[in-house]
Amino acid sequence: MDMKKTLVMLLGVVLIVATAKAQVFTKVNTKLSGVMQPVMSWLDVNHSGFPDVFLAGDRYLNSRHLVLSQVVLKAKDNRFMPTASPFQALYRGDAAVADVDKDGDQDIVMTGLNQFNKPVMVLYRNDGNRHFTPMKTSFTPLTDGSLEWGDFDHDGDLDILATGKRFDNRLVTIIYRNDGGLFTKMVLDVPGVYDGSVRWGDFDGDGDLDLLITGNDGRGPFTAIYRNDNGKYYKISQSFVPLENSDAAWADFDGDGDLDFIISGKNKEGYPELHVYSNEGSFFRDMPESMRPLKSCSIDVADFDGDGDPDVVMTGESMERPYTLVYKNNSAFDFEKIAAGLPGLSNGKALWCDYDKDGDMDLLIAGITVCYDFVGDVYRNNINPPKKEAETGTSIFINAPLPKYDRGPYYYYVFSSCYCDPSGGKKPKYHLFISNVHKEKQAYDLNYKYNNILLKTVPNWGKADRGHRTSNGFNTKKEAEASRVQVIESYKATGFQVHYINW
């Protein structure tokens, strides 16, 4: 064989191997059928502790229009096993997952068009053993909108935020207040939108959920923030770029303890436009960005590389073709595009989740490519960051799972950590604030009590509406005390100064 050809072949092999090693995401075999206009979520269907996949949407087979509903279960070796879907086949809608009835498993609410092109909104209760019961509720059927769970009235159960288009094309934004499983429709002085989203977030740090809304309000592109004052919503005075075919997400991008937001979509001239706004306390600053603007987009935010700050995944269309983009947050609103190797999608969506519990965020994506291929895939994140023994990020806010309420009441303690200077000076150190053990009388009462004391004790800590980390629930006070001692010793061993929040 010619020596030059041999050298070229060897170089080619080296490049392929190097590329494979450097590949951030690897496609996983799920046997899902690709769809566009998806209604989808990560959902622990059989209470295994590992997220499974629900994917609905529409596609074309030759000239035949199909609406599909699929569920695949997490199996061994990063594989997924198809199973019969207990959910309706829907498209042009949204889904949101939460343990609504506090029985320890995940329920799901969804909207969209069914195979007869009729709008739907339905809540499925998880009964275990892959069985879900559609609940008899008086929800308004919606399409082309968004859904979110959140406890907006601080009563310990989760309410539903929904927006979209009714069967008569009327646009609505609705809160369904949850009172022990009974959902009551609330009238809001907030416009309805379609081809957009409404997101809950406490941007002003006063302990209640405000609204970020974007989309078409019936007259054209619309974007606004509504402040929650005692359960009523008032539009703030600051104006933002109006967008439709859009999505938005709250996140603390700069690690200063308050919520910033990202938004992308189509402006009134029809061009894609993207903005990242920094929360400056009294106003939002429009930050300069090199991120690619997309219309007809989806946005999801999570710490995909385990470095302690929120990163971004987006799908949507530029003026020339569709994209699926992953941006790494390098702090201070410096976003770096990652060579993710994901197919560009229009009419699609991407959702983060650490399905294999290895410490980094994987992706579920669905949509249609520029070559009219339908996509429905899971991509495994290969970063595998080292396990952290203690929180060492600069953000003072720590996300943690909420306690379960399937039995109980239980004994809990609450704790928070930061790399900061609680005195307000410029000498940050590692600090742990931890409560004593109490039996919870009602949902979140320990969290609220903890924060009230913490904010009085450490006025420079910043505002929060619940404890930053709640322990597991323990059957006895003795078990909780033993766990608390272990937590304290673990933090002390890594150099944290311990402060006690007792009552």
Protein backbone atom coordinates (compact mmCIF):
# COMPACT_ATOMS: atom_id res chain seq x y z
CA MET A 1 0.00 0.00 0.00
CA ASP A 2 1.19 3.54 -0.79
CA MET A 3 2.83 5.11 2.29
CA LYS A 4 1.01 8.45 1.81
CA LYS A 5 -2.37 6.71 1.61
CA THR A 6 -1.53 4.70 4.73
CA LEU A 7 -0.60 7.89 6.61
CA VAL A 8 -3.82 9.60 5.53
CA MET A 9 -5.88 6.60 6.66
CA LEU A 10 -4.13 6.50 10.03
CA LEU A 11 -4.71 10.21 10.52
CA GLY A 12 -8.36 9.70 9.67
CA VAL A 13 -8.68 6.95 12.26
CA VAL A 14 -6.98 9.14 14.90
CA LEU A 15 -9.34 12.02 14.14
CA ILE A 16 -12.40 9.77 14.38
CA VAL A 17 -11.25 8.32 17.71
CA ALA A 18 -10.45 11.78 19.09
CA THR A 19 -13.83 13.10 17.96
CA ALA A 20 -15.62 10.16 19.55
CA LYS A 21 -13.80 10.71 22.84
CA ALA A 22 -14.62 14.41 22.78
CA GLN A 23 -18.28 13.89 21.90
CA VAL A 24 -20.45 15.53 24.56
CA PHE A 25 -23.72 13.76 23.74
CA THR A 26 -24.33 10.21 22.52
CA LYS A 27 -27.61 9.05 21.04
CA VAL A 28 -29.31 6.31 23.08
CA ASN A 29 -31.39 3.48 21.64
CA THR A 30 -34.99 4.21 22.71
CA LYS A 31 -37.04 2.84 19.76
CA LEU A 32 -39.09 6.04 19.85
CA SER A 33 -40.78 7.23 16.65
CA GLY A 34 -39.88 10.79 15.74
CA VAL A 35 -42.58 13.45 15.94
CA MET A 36 -42.97 17.18 15.52
CA GLN A 37 -45.01 19.67 17.59
CA PRO A 38 -44.34 17.43 20.62
CA VAL A 39 -46.07 17.11 23.97
CA MET A 40 -43.39 15.46 26.08
CA SER A 41 -41.76 15.08 29.47
CA TRP A 42 -39.42 13.05 31.61
CA LEU A 43 -41.64 11.04 33.96
CA ASP A 44 -40.96 8.23 36.44
CA VAL A 45 -43.78 6.00 35.21
CA ASN A 46 -43.22 2.95 37.40
CA HIS A 47 -41.74 4.62 40.51
CA SER A 48 -38.30 3.11 39.88
CA GLY A 49 -36.39 6.23 40.87
CA PHE A 50 -35.19 6.72 37.28
CA PRO A 51 -36.95 9.03 34.80
CA ASP A 52 -38.71 7.41 31.87
CA VAL A 53 -39.86 9.18 28.69
CA PHE A 54 -43.32 10.27 27.56
CA LEU A 55 -43.36 11.53 23.98
CA ALA A 56 -46.47 12.48 22.00
CA GLY A 57 -46.73 14.49 18.79
CA ASP A 58 -47.65 14.24 15.13
CA ARG A 59 -45.92 13.04 11.99
CA TYR A 60 -46.72 12.08 8.40
CA LEU A 61 -46.44 8.62 6.89
CA ASN A 62 -46.62 9.28 3.14
CA SER A 63 -49.70 11.53 3.06
CA ARG A 64 -51.27 10.11 6.23
CA HIS A 65 -51.32 12.32 9.31
CA LEU A 66 -50.59 10.39 12.52
CA VAL A 67 -50.82 11.51 16.15
CA LEU A 68 -48.77 9.33 18.49
CA SER A 69 -48.40 8.72 22.22
CA GLN A 70 -45.34 6.78 23.37
CA VAL A 71 -43.74 5.75 26.66
CA VAL A 72 -40.34 4.11 27.03
CA LEU A 73 -39.02 2.92 30.39
CA LYS A 74 -35.46 3.33 31.63
CA ALA A 75 -33.78 -0.09 31.52
CA LYS A 76 -30.26 -1.30 32.27
CA ASP A 77 -27.14 -0.19 30.40
CA ASN A 78 -28.67 3.17 29.36
CA ARG A 79 -31.28 1.43 27.22
CA PHE A 80 -35.01 2.14 27.14
CA MET A 81 -37.83 -0.39 26.87
CA PRO A 82 -41.06 0.52 25.01
CA THR A 83 -44.32 -0.04 26.87
CA ALA A 84 -47.97 0.76 26.22
CA SER A 85 -48.73 4.44 26.75
CA PRO A 86 -51.54 5.24 29.21
CA PHE A 87 -51.83 8.79 27.84
CA GLN A 88 -53.76 10.41 25.02
CA ALA A 89 -52.06 11.09 21.71
CA LEU A 90 -51.66 14.88 21.55
CA TYR A 91 -49.67 17.51 19.67
CA ARG A 92 -49.29 21.31 19.74
CA GLY A 93 -49.43 21.44 23.52
CA ASP A 94 -47.38 21.01 26.68
CA ALA A 95 -46.96 18.71 29.69
CA ALA A 96 -45.87 19.25 33.29
CA VAL A 97 -44.97 16.68 35.95
CA ALA A 98 -45.35 16.86 39.75
CA ASP A 99 -46.43 14.78 42.73
CA VAL A 100 -49.75 16.58 43.02
CA ASP A 101 -51.45 14.27 45.53
CA LYS A 102 -48.31 13.85 47.70
CA ASP A 103 -48.37 10.05 47.51
CA GLY A 104 -44.72 9.75 46.49
CA ASP A 105 -45.12 9.23 42.74
CA GLN A 106 -45.30 11.56 39.75
CA ASP A 107 -48.53 12.75 38.17
CA ILE A 108 -48.79 14.63 34.87
CA VAL A 109 -51.00 17.33 33.36
CA MET A 110 -51.04 17.95 29.60
CA THR A 111 -52.68 20.04 26.90
CA GLY A 112 -52.84 19.86 23.11
CA LEU A 113 -54.87 18.76 20.11
CA ASN A 114 -56.03 15.16 19.89
CA GLN A 115 -56.35 13.07 16.72
CA PHE A 116 -59.74 14.69 16.04
CA ASN A 117 -58.17 18.18 16.24
CA LYS A 118 -60.02 18.99 19.45
CA PRO A 119 -58.16 20.78 22.27
CA VAL A 120 -57.59 18.85 25.48
CA MET A 121 -56.42 19.52 29.03
CA VAL A 122 -56.22 16.52 31.32
CA LEU A 123 -54.56 15.59 34.63
CA TYR A 124 -53.44 11.97 35.02
CA ARG A 125 -53.06 10.57 38.55
CA ASN A 126 -50.28 8.02 38.94
CA ASP A 127 -51.73 4.92 40.61
CA GLY A 128 -48.54 2.86 40.36
CA ASN A 129 -47.73 -0.20 38.24
CA ARG A 130 -47.74 2.00 35.09
CA HIS A 131 -51.42 2.81 35.62
CA PHE A 132 -52.62 6.41 35.31
CA THR A 133 -56.18 7.62 35.89
CA PRO A 134 -57.50 10.71 34.04
CA MET A 135 -59.03 12.89 36.74
CA LYS A 136 -62.50 14.35 36.45
CA THR A 137 -61.74 18.05 36.40
CA SER A 138 -63.29 21.08 34.74
CA PHE A 139 -60.13 22.32 33.03
CA THR A 140 -60.49 24.51 29.94
CA PRO A 141 -59.14 22.55 26.92
CA LEU A 142 -56.17 24.40 25.43
CA THR A 143 -53.61 24.17 22.66
CA ASP A 144 -50.51 26.09 21.52
CA GLY A 145 -49.59 27.15 25.05
CA SER A 146 -47.63 26.17 28.16
CA LEU A 147 -48.11 24.54 31.57
CA GLU A 148 -46.33 24.84 34.92
CA TRP A 149 -46.82 23.65 38.50
CA GLY A 150 -46.19 25.95 41.46
CA ASP A 151 -47.51 26.76 44.94
CA PHE A 152 -48.51 30.33 44.25
CA ASP A 153 -50.75 30.70 47.32
CA HIS A 154 -48.36 29.11 49.88
CA ASP A 155 -50.89 26.56 51.11
CA GLY A 156 -48.59 23.56 50.63
CA ASP A 157 -50.12 22.07 47.49
CA LEU A 158 -49.30 22.67 43.85
CA ASP A 159 -51.37 24.87 41.57
CA ILE A 160 -51.42 24.90 37.75
CA LEU A 161 -50.46 27.81 35.50
CA ALA A 162 -51.82 27.36 31.96
CA THR A 163 -51.99 29.46 28.84
CA GLY A 164 -53.05 28.88 25.25
CA LYS A 165 -55.91 28.88 22.78
CA ARG A 166 -59.44 27.57 23.42
CA PHE A 167 -61.66 25.75 20.90
CA ASP A 168 -63.21 29.11 19.94
CA ASN A 169 -59.73 30.67 19.42
CA ARG A 170 -60.07 32.79 22.56
CA LEU A 171 -56.72 33.23 24.30
CA VAL A 172 -56.45 32.68 28.05
CA THR A 173 -53.98 32.63 30.92
CA ILE A 174 -55.39 30.69 33.86
CA ILE A 175 -54.35 29.65 37.35
CA TYR A 176 -56.09 26.58 38.71
CA ARG A 177 -55.82 26.86 42.49
CA ASN A 178 -55.40 23.49 44.16
CA ASP A 179 -57.31 23.09 47.42
CA GLY A 180 -56.69 19.53 48.55
CA GLY A 181 -57.16 18.11 45.06
CA LEU A 182 -60.05 20.39 44.09
CA PHE A 183 -58.98 22.80 41.33
CA THR A 184 -60.65 26.21 41.14
CA LYS A 185 -60.25 28.41 38.08
CA MET A 186 -58.98 31.89 38.95
CA VAL A 187 -59.66 35.00 36.88
CA LEU A 188 -56.43 36.92 36.16
CA ASP A 189 -55.90 40.37 34.74
CA VAL A 190 -53.21 38.89 32.51
CA PRO A 191 -53.59 38.50 28.73
CA GLY A 192 -53.75 35.07 27.15
CA VAL A 193 -51.12 34.13 24.59
CA TYR A 194 -50.53 31.38 22.08
CA ASP A 195 -47.28 30.26 20.43
CA GLY A 196 -45.52 31.40 23.58
CA SER A 197 -45.23 30.61 27.27
CA VAL A 198 -45.98 31.83 30.78
CA ARG A 199 -43.38 31.05 33.47
CA TRP A 200 -43.55 31.35 37.25
CA GLY A 201 -40.59 32.85 39.13
CA ASP A 202 -39.99 35.03 42.21
CA PHE A 203 -37.99 37.78 40.51
CA ASP A 204 -38.35 40.31 43.35
CA GLY A 205 -37.47 37.92 46.18
CA ASP A 206 -40.62 38.59 48.22
CA GLY A 207 -41.56 34.93 48.51
CA ASP A 208 -44.35 34.66 45.96
CA LEU A 209 -44.50 33.63 42.30
CA ASP A 210 -44.48 36.34 39.65
CA LEU A 211 -45.16 35.82 35.92
CA LEU A 212 -43.04 36.12 32.79
CA ILE A 213 -45.23 35.95 29.71
CA THR A 214 -44.40 35.95 25.98
CA GLY A 215 -46.21 35.04 22.76
CA ASN A 216 -48.96 36.36 20.53
CA ASP A 217 -51.72 38.04 22.55
CA GLY A 218 -54.11 38.22 19.57
CA ARG A 219 -52.79 41.56 18.39
CA GLY A 220 -49.20 40.57 17.77
CA PRO A 221 -45.98 39.87 19.69
CA PHE A 222 -46.15 40.41 23.45
CA THR A 223 -43.71 40.18 26.37
CA ALA A 224 -44.28 41.36 29.95
CA ILE A 225 -43.62 40.62 33.61
CA TYR A 226 -46.44 40.63 36.15
CA ARG A 227 -45.69 41.06 39.84
CA ASN A 228 -47.60 38.98 42.37
CA ASP A 229 -48.95 41.18 45.18
CA ASN A 230 -51.05 39.18 47.64
CA GLY A 231 -52.32 36.83 44.94
CA LYS A 232 -53.12 39.53 42.37
CA TYR A 233 -50.94 40.24 39.34
CA TYR A 234 -49.86 43.70 38.22
CA LYS A 235 -47.80 44.45 35.12
CA ILE A 236 -44.48 46.10 35.95
CA SER A 237 -43.66 49.37 34.24
CA GLN A 238 -40.54 48.21 32.37
CA SER A 239 -41.06 47.28 28.72
CA PHE A 240 -39.37 44.31 27.05
CA VAL A 241 -38.92 43.31 23.44
CA PRO A 242 -42.29 41.89 22.27
CA LEU A 243 -41.93 38.42 20.74
CA GLU A 244 -44.16 35.64 19.41
CA ASN A 245 -43.37 32.06 18.37
CA SER A 246 -41.28 32.42 21.49
CA ASP A 247 -40.21 30.87 24.76
CA ALA A 248 -38.60 32.19 27.94
CA ALA A 249 -36.98 30.87 31.10
CA TRP A 250 -36.01 32.26 34.51
CA ALA A 251 -32.58 31.45 35.94
CA ASP A 252 -29.91 33.01 38.15
CA PHE A 253 -27.34 33.24 35.35
CA ASP A 254 -24.82 35.40 37.23
CA GLY A 255 -25.04 33.73 40.63
CA ASP A 256 -26.05 36.85 42.54
CA GLY A 257 -29.10 35.28 44.17
CA ASP A 258 -31.92 36.75 42.04
CA LEU A 259 -33.67 35.59 38.89
CA ASP A 260 -32.59 36.78 35.46
CA PHE A 261 -34.29 35.54 32.29
CA ILE A 262 -33.67 34.53 28.69
CA ILE A 263 -36.17 34.99 25.87
CA SER A 264 -36.09 34.22 22.15
CA GLY A 265 -38.66 34.34 19.36
CA LYS A 266 -39.96 36.27 16.37
CA ASN A 267 -40.20 40.07 16.48
CA LYS A 268 -42.85 42.18 14.76
CA GLU A 269 -40.73 42.38 11.59
CA GLY A 270 -40.62 38.58 11.43
CA TYR A 271 -36.96 38.17 12.37
CA PRO A 272 -35.66 35.96 15.19
CA GLU A 273 -34.47 37.90 18.23
CA LEU A 274 -32.90 36.82 21.53
CA HIS A 275 -32.31 38.70 24.77
CA VAL A 276 -30.86 37.85 28.16
CA TYR A 277 -31.95 40.22 30.93
CA SER A 278 -29.98 40.70 34.15
CA ASN A 279 -32.01 41.35 37.29
CA GLU A 280 -30.56 44.53 38.81
CA GLY A 281 -33.10 44.76 41.65
CA SER A 282 -35.08 47.76 40.48
CA PHE A 283 -34.92 46.97 36.76
CA PHE A 284 -33.74 44.39 34.20
CA ARG A 285 -30.62 45.15 32.16
CA ASP A 286 -30.53 43.90 28.56
CA MET A 287 -27.16 42.16 28.35
CA PRO A 288 -25.07 41.96 25.15
CA GLU A 289 -25.14 38.39 23.83
CA SER A 290 -23.59 36.34 21.03
CA MET A 291 -26.16 33.56 21.32
CA ARG A 292 -28.01 32.72 18.11
CA PRO A 293 -31.60 34.05 18.09
CA LEU A 294 -34.26 31.51 17.15
CA LYS A 295 -37.98 31.71 16.44
CA SER A 296 -40.56 28.96 16.91
CA CYS A 297 -38.26 28.02 19.73
CA SER A 298 -38.10 26.08 22.95
CA ILE A 299 -35.77 26.94 25.83
CA ASP A 300 -34.78 24.80 28.80
CA VAL A 301 -32.27 25.69 31.51
CA ALA A 302 -30.23 23.38 33.77
CA ASP A 303 -26.67 22.85 34.98
CA PHE A 304 -25.68 20.38 32.26
CA ASP A 305 -21.97 20.17 33.15
CA GLY A 306 -22.20 20.15 36.94
CA ASP A 307 -20.20 23.35 37.52
CA GLY A 308 -22.89 25.04 39.61
CA ASP A 309 -24.42 27.50 37.14
CA PRO A 310 -27.40 27.21 34.73
CA ASP A 311 -26.76 26.35 31.08
CA VAL A 312 -29.16 26.59 28.14
CA VAL A 313 -30.53 24.30 25.43
CA MET A 314 -32.61 25.76 22.60
CA THR A 315 -34.40 24.46 19.53
CA GLY A 316 -35.88 26.57 16.75
CA GLU A 317 -35.35 28.30 13.44
CA SER A 318 -32.98 31.00 12.27
CA MET A 319 -33.58 32.69 8.93
CA GLU A 320 -31.69 29.92 7.12
CA ARG A 321 -32.32 26.61 8.95
CA PRO A 322 -33.33 24.95 12.22
CA TYR A 323 -30.94 24.47 15.14
CA THR A 324 -30.58 22.63 18.42
CA LEU A 325 -28.03 24.60 20.45
CA VAL A 326 -26.37 24.03 23.81
CA TYR A 327 -24.74 27.00 25.55
CA LYS A 328 -22.39 26.59 28.50
CA ASN A 329 -22.60 29.34 31.10
CA ASN A 330 -19.12 30.63 31.92
CA SER A 331 -20.59 33.08 34.49
CA ALA A 332 -21.27 36.82 34.17
CA PHE A 333 -23.56 36.21 31.15
CA ASP A 334 -20.73 34.74 29.10
CA PHE A 335 -22.31 31.87 27.15
CA GLU A 336 -20.17 29.50 25.08
CA LYS A 337 -21.73 27.41 22.32
CA ILE A 338 -20.89 23.71 22.72
CA ALA A 339 -20.26 21.44 19.74
CA ALA A 340 -23.12 19.21 20.85
CA GLY A 341 -23.66 17.35 17.57
CA LEU A 342 -27.46 17.44 17.90
CA PRO A 343 -29.81 17.56 14.90
CA GLY A 344 -31.30 20.99 14.25
CA LEU A 345 -35.05 20.96 14.93
CA SER A 346 -38.04 23.07 14.01
CA ASN A 347 -41.50 22.52 15.50
CA GLY A 348 -39.60 20.86 18.32
CA LYS A 349 -38.50 20.86 21.91
CA ALA A 350 -35.54 19.85 24.09
CA LEU A 351 -35.70 18.98 27.81
CA TRP A 352 -32.88 18.42 30.31
CA CYS A 353 -32.89 15.55 32.83
CA ASP A 354 -30.22 13.41 34.49
CA TYR A 355 -31.98 10.16 33.58
CA ASP A 356 -29.00 7.91 34.42
CA LYS A 357 -28.16 9.65 37.73
CA ASP A 358 -24.47 10.17 36.85
CA GLY A 359 -24.43 13.84 37.83
CA ASP A 360 -24.87 15.52 34.44
CA MET A 361 -27.93 16.50 32.44
CA ASP A 362 -29.03 14.41 29.47
CA LEU A 363 -31.44 15.50 26.74
CA LEU A 364 -34.79 14.44 25.31
CA ILE A 365 -35.36 16.08 21.93
CA ALA A 366 -38.14 15.91 19.34
CA GLY A 367 -39.02 17.81 16.16
CA ILE A 368 -38.42 17.86 12.41
CA THR A 369 -35.11 18.48 10.62
CA VAL A 370 -34.37 20.54 7.51
CA CYS A 371 -34.44 17.24 5.57
CA TYR A 372 -37.96 16.51 6.88
CA ASP A 373 -36.81 13.70 9.14
CA PHE A 374 -38.90 13.27 12.27
CA VAL A 375 -36.83 13.08 15.45
CA GLY A 376 -37.61 11.63 18.89
CA ASP A 377 -34.42 10.77 20.73
CA VAL A 378 -32.57 10.70 24.04
CA TYR A 379 -28.97 11.88 24.09
CA ARG A 380 -26.73 10.85 26.96
CA ASN A 381 -24.36 13.46 28.42
CA ASN A 382 -20.81 12.06 28.59
CA ILE A 383 -19.24 14.72 30.83
CA ASN A 384 -19.74 12.73 34.06
CA PRO A 385 -18.58 15.39 36.52
CA PRO A 386 -17.07 14.19 39.82
CA LYS A 387 -19.47 13.82 42.73
CA LYS A 388 -19.52 16.80 45.08
CA GLU A 389 -19.26 16.15 48.79
CA ALA A 390 -20.40 19.67 49.64
CA GLU A 391 -21.90 22.64 47.88
CA THR A 392 -19.03 24.91 46.80
CA GLY A 393 -20.63 27.15 44.19
CA THR A 394 -20.73 30.90 44.60
CA SER A 395 -24.54 31.00 44.40
CA ILE A 396 -26.21 31.17 47.79
CA PHE A 397 -29.29 29.38 46.47
CA ILE A 398 -29.28 25.59 46.32
CA ASN A 399 -31.92 23.56 44.51
CA ALA A 400 -33.04 20.43 46.31
CA PRO A 401 -35.95 17.99 46.17
CA LEU A 402 -38.93 18.82 48.31
CA PRO A 403 -39.88 16.39 51.08
CA LYS A 404 -42.35 13.62 50.24
CA TYR A 405 -45.73 13.42 51.90
CA ASP A 406 -46.84 9.89 51.08
CA ARG A 407 -46.81 9.05 54.82
CA GLY A 408 -45.91 10.91 57.95
CA PRO A 409 -45.73 13.54 59.32
CA TYR A 410 -41.96 13.19 59.50
CA TYR A 411 -39.10 14.80 61.37
CA TYR A 412 -37.00 17.22 59.32
CA TYR A 413 -34.22 19.75 59.57
CA VAL A 414 -33.44 22.54 57.07
CA PHE A 415 -30.02 23.76 55.96
CA SER A 416 -28.37 26.14 53.49
CA SER A 417 -24.79 26.75 52.42
CA CYS A 418 -22.93 29.47 50.60
CA TYR A 419 -19.51 30.72 49.59
CA CYS A 420 -20.10 34.27 50.75
CA ASP A 421 -19.49 36.89 53.40
CA PRO A 422 -22.72 37.00 55.45
CA SER A 423 -21.59 40.24 57.10
CA GLY A 424 -21.76 42.00 53.74
CA GLY A 425 -18.01 42.42 53.46
CA LYS A 426 -15.62 41.18 50.81
CA LYS A 427 -14.11 38.18 52.58
CA PRO A 428 -16.15 35.19 51.37
CA LYS A 429 -15.79 31.83 53.08
CA TYR A 430 -17.76 28.61 53.15
CA HIS A 431 -20.73 28.80 55.54
CA LEU A 432 -23.38 26.29 56.58
CA PHE A 433 -26.62 27.35 58.29
CA ILE A 434 -28.58 24.44 59.77
CA SER A 435 -31.71 24.18 61.90
CA ASN A 436 -32.54 21.86 64.75
CA VAL A 437 -34.96 18.96 64.24
CA HIS A 438 -38.74 19.42 64.26
CA LYS A 439 -41.81 17.43 63.30
CA GLU A 440 -43.56 19.15 60.42
CA LYS A 441 -47.13 20.14 61.26
CA GLN A 442 -48.10 21.21 57.77
CA ALA A 443 -46.40 21.46 54.40
CA TYR A 444 -43.45 23.89 54.30
CA ASP A 445 -43.97 25.30 57.81
CA LEU A 446 -40.38 24.45 58.78
CA ASN A 447 -39.06 26.05 55.62
CA TYR A 448 -40.87 29.32 56.25
CA LYS A 449 -39.85 29.37 59.92
CA TYR A 450 -36.22 28.68 59.00
CA ASN A 451 -36.10 31.49 56.45
CA ASN A 452 -37.74 34.01 58.74
CA ILE A 453 -35.03 33.41 61.36
CA LEU A 454 -32.24 33.24 58.78
CA LEU A 455 -33.17 36.57 57.19
CA LYS A 456 -33.31 38.27 60.57
CA THR A 457 -30.03 36.70 61.70
CA VAL A 458 -28.17 37.31 58.44
CA PRO A 459 -29.74 40.34 56.72
CA ASN A 460 -27.22 40.16 53.87
CA TRP A 461 -28.23 36.62 52.99
CA GLY A 462 -30.96 37.75 50.60
CA LYS A 463 -34.64 36.93 50.40
CA ALA A 464 -36.05 33.46 49.82
CA ASP A 465 -39.46 31.86 50.14
CA ARG A 466 -38.40 28.46 51.48
CA GLY A 467 -35.45 26.62 52.97
CA HIS A 468 -32.76 25.93 50.44
CA ARG A 469 -32.43 22.27 51.35
CA THR A 470 -34.82 20.10 53.28
CA SER A 471 -33.61 16.83 54.77
CA ASN A 472 -35.22 13.50 54.06
CA GLY A 473 -38.17 12.74 56.29
CA PHE A 474 -37.40 10.55 59.31
CA ASN A 475 -39.82 8.42 61.31
CA THR A 476 -38.18 9.32 64.61
CA LYS A 477 -36.45 12.38 66.01
CA LYS A 478 -33.45 10.22 66.92
CA GLU A 479 -32.93 9.22 63.28
CA ALA A 480 -33.18 12.84 62.15
CA GLU A 481 -30.69 13.96 64.81
CA ALA A 482 -28.18 11.31 63.70
CA SER A 483 -28.51 12.42 60.08
CA ARG A 484 -28.09 16.07 61.07
CA VAL A 485 -24.85 15.27 62.91
CA GLN A 486 -23.52 13.52 59.80
CA VAL A 487 -24.33 16.56 57.64
CA ILE A 488 -22.61 18.92 60.08
CA GLU A 489 -19.50 16.75 60.30
CA SER A 490 -19.36 16.40 56.51
CA TYR A 491 -19.45 20.16 56.01
CA LYS A 492 -16.94 20.78 58.80
CA ALA A 493 -14.55 18.28 57.18
CA THR A 494 -14.59 20.32 53.96
CA GLY A 495 -13.86 23.65 55.70
CA PHE A 496 -17.33 25.08 56.28
CA GLN A 497 -18.07 27.31 59.25
CA VAL A 498 -21.27 26.02 60.87
CA HIS A 499 -24.04 28.33 62.14
CA TYR A 500 -27.06 27.01 64.04
CA ILE A 501 -30.60 28.23 63.34
CA ASN A 502 -32.54 26.94 66.35
CA TRP A 503 -36.03 27.52 67.61
